[in-house]
């Protein structure tokens, strides 16, 4: 069946535009239109196509749509796509998928911390887990984001046992666990600190506190990334020493240490902090006092050590579809897959040696890995193909410090850069991001070489509804960013 689209035209219209045979379809069962080949003017763009879908469906409230022409997001006219991809062939049917549009991210609040933000997690709906170089781990209610001026101490503030700084954070306990919840932070002190909190209930939190349960040791360099298994009983840490350490955490609390203590002066400058404005004459940053440290947990060594990277490890992610595998990205440009049980380096994907990988995540829907690098690119790695290296490269304007794949679909991801930009990408349209956002109304000092002080982002997470990002300026920014 062929349906011709008739649109109202002015009486003195130009000669009739060329029409193309278009097959429109969707994966949304509630938005399906009758199957047919539609004859559509070749000059049409996204706006006209979206109007057509709304008209055929008779939707009471207009719904904006995006269109994927044979897997590629339509950026211009249908005619331009046909000329670019089919050499001007105007007779062959063009398959076009329509999906609900993702709306631009909207900044909804900021929460100020006392020092650089180093890690973020939205794994628990309604809460933000934050680590910072103040050597604190905090849990902040997402609802308390209306004020950007006041420092929010949140439900819990969990200090590390030294003042060297926390570098990353994650939840260990799955969402089904609602009491005695375990969370973890990696530190500059070369250890991973596992805390336990009673509950996320505000009434419980107001009358109780968390404590450090384990201090996981064994690395010889600062911790760069940590990842937990789906049930929270296992943890893998990555470090600047080039190794991945595996820890099996017992359910019952031990009664003695199983690893010797580190000397308290193993790193210089333990109490130093560089102020954002570079002025050391105004005294110490608020909150950095000699007693502002927590108690150490039960010391444990690794149950396994995985080595293979030739240099620092930038990030790790536990495979979202295979609980026996962990992926890592290193400053040596390689992505590696590790068998957790045996420690075997089962997969090696060696990219360019100058592509220092800073972060890594995985699309749950496809298993594809996404990495952010110092060379200002985001790379996708198809690990299903035995000989595949980098399957797609997305160009950015700055090194990519953090990346988060959409939790349900296999096409969109968010990235945070050293230029302070949050970018949302659709990998089906890789030339440029769908949206770029950054904190509004911020006046930053610019140095003689053009660097904007405090703009660098270091951490980001996206739960499909909300994006959080933070870095040098000590603020956690929150954006509403719903994507399907």
Foldseek 3Di string as FASTA:
>chain_A
DEAEDDDDDDPPDDPDAAWAFEFEAEPDPLQGADTHTYTHGQQDAQVVVQVVSCVRSVDPDRFRKWKAWVLFTTDGTNQVVCCVPVVRPRHDYIYMYIDGDWDFWDFDFKAFDLFWWQEWDCQDPQWIWTWGLQQWTAIAGPVPGNDRPDHDRHLAIAHAQFNRTWHYKDWLAHNVDFAQTWIWTWGQVQWIWIKTDGGNDSVRSVPDYIATAEIEHDGPGGWQEKEYFNRSQKIWTFGQSQKIFIAGHDPDRDDAAPDDDDDPPPDPPRQDDQDLVRDPPPDDGPQRDPPSHHDHHRYDYGPDMAHDDPGGWQYKYQQLVDRQWIWTFALQQKIFIAGNVVSDRPDIAHDHRNFGWNYKDAANVQRWIWTWGQVQKIFIFRPVDRPTHTPDIAGGDAGWQYKEAAHHDDFWIWTFGQQQKIFIDGRSHRDGTPHIDGDPPDDFDADPVGDGGQRGWHYWYDHQQKIWTTGGVRMIIIIGIHDD
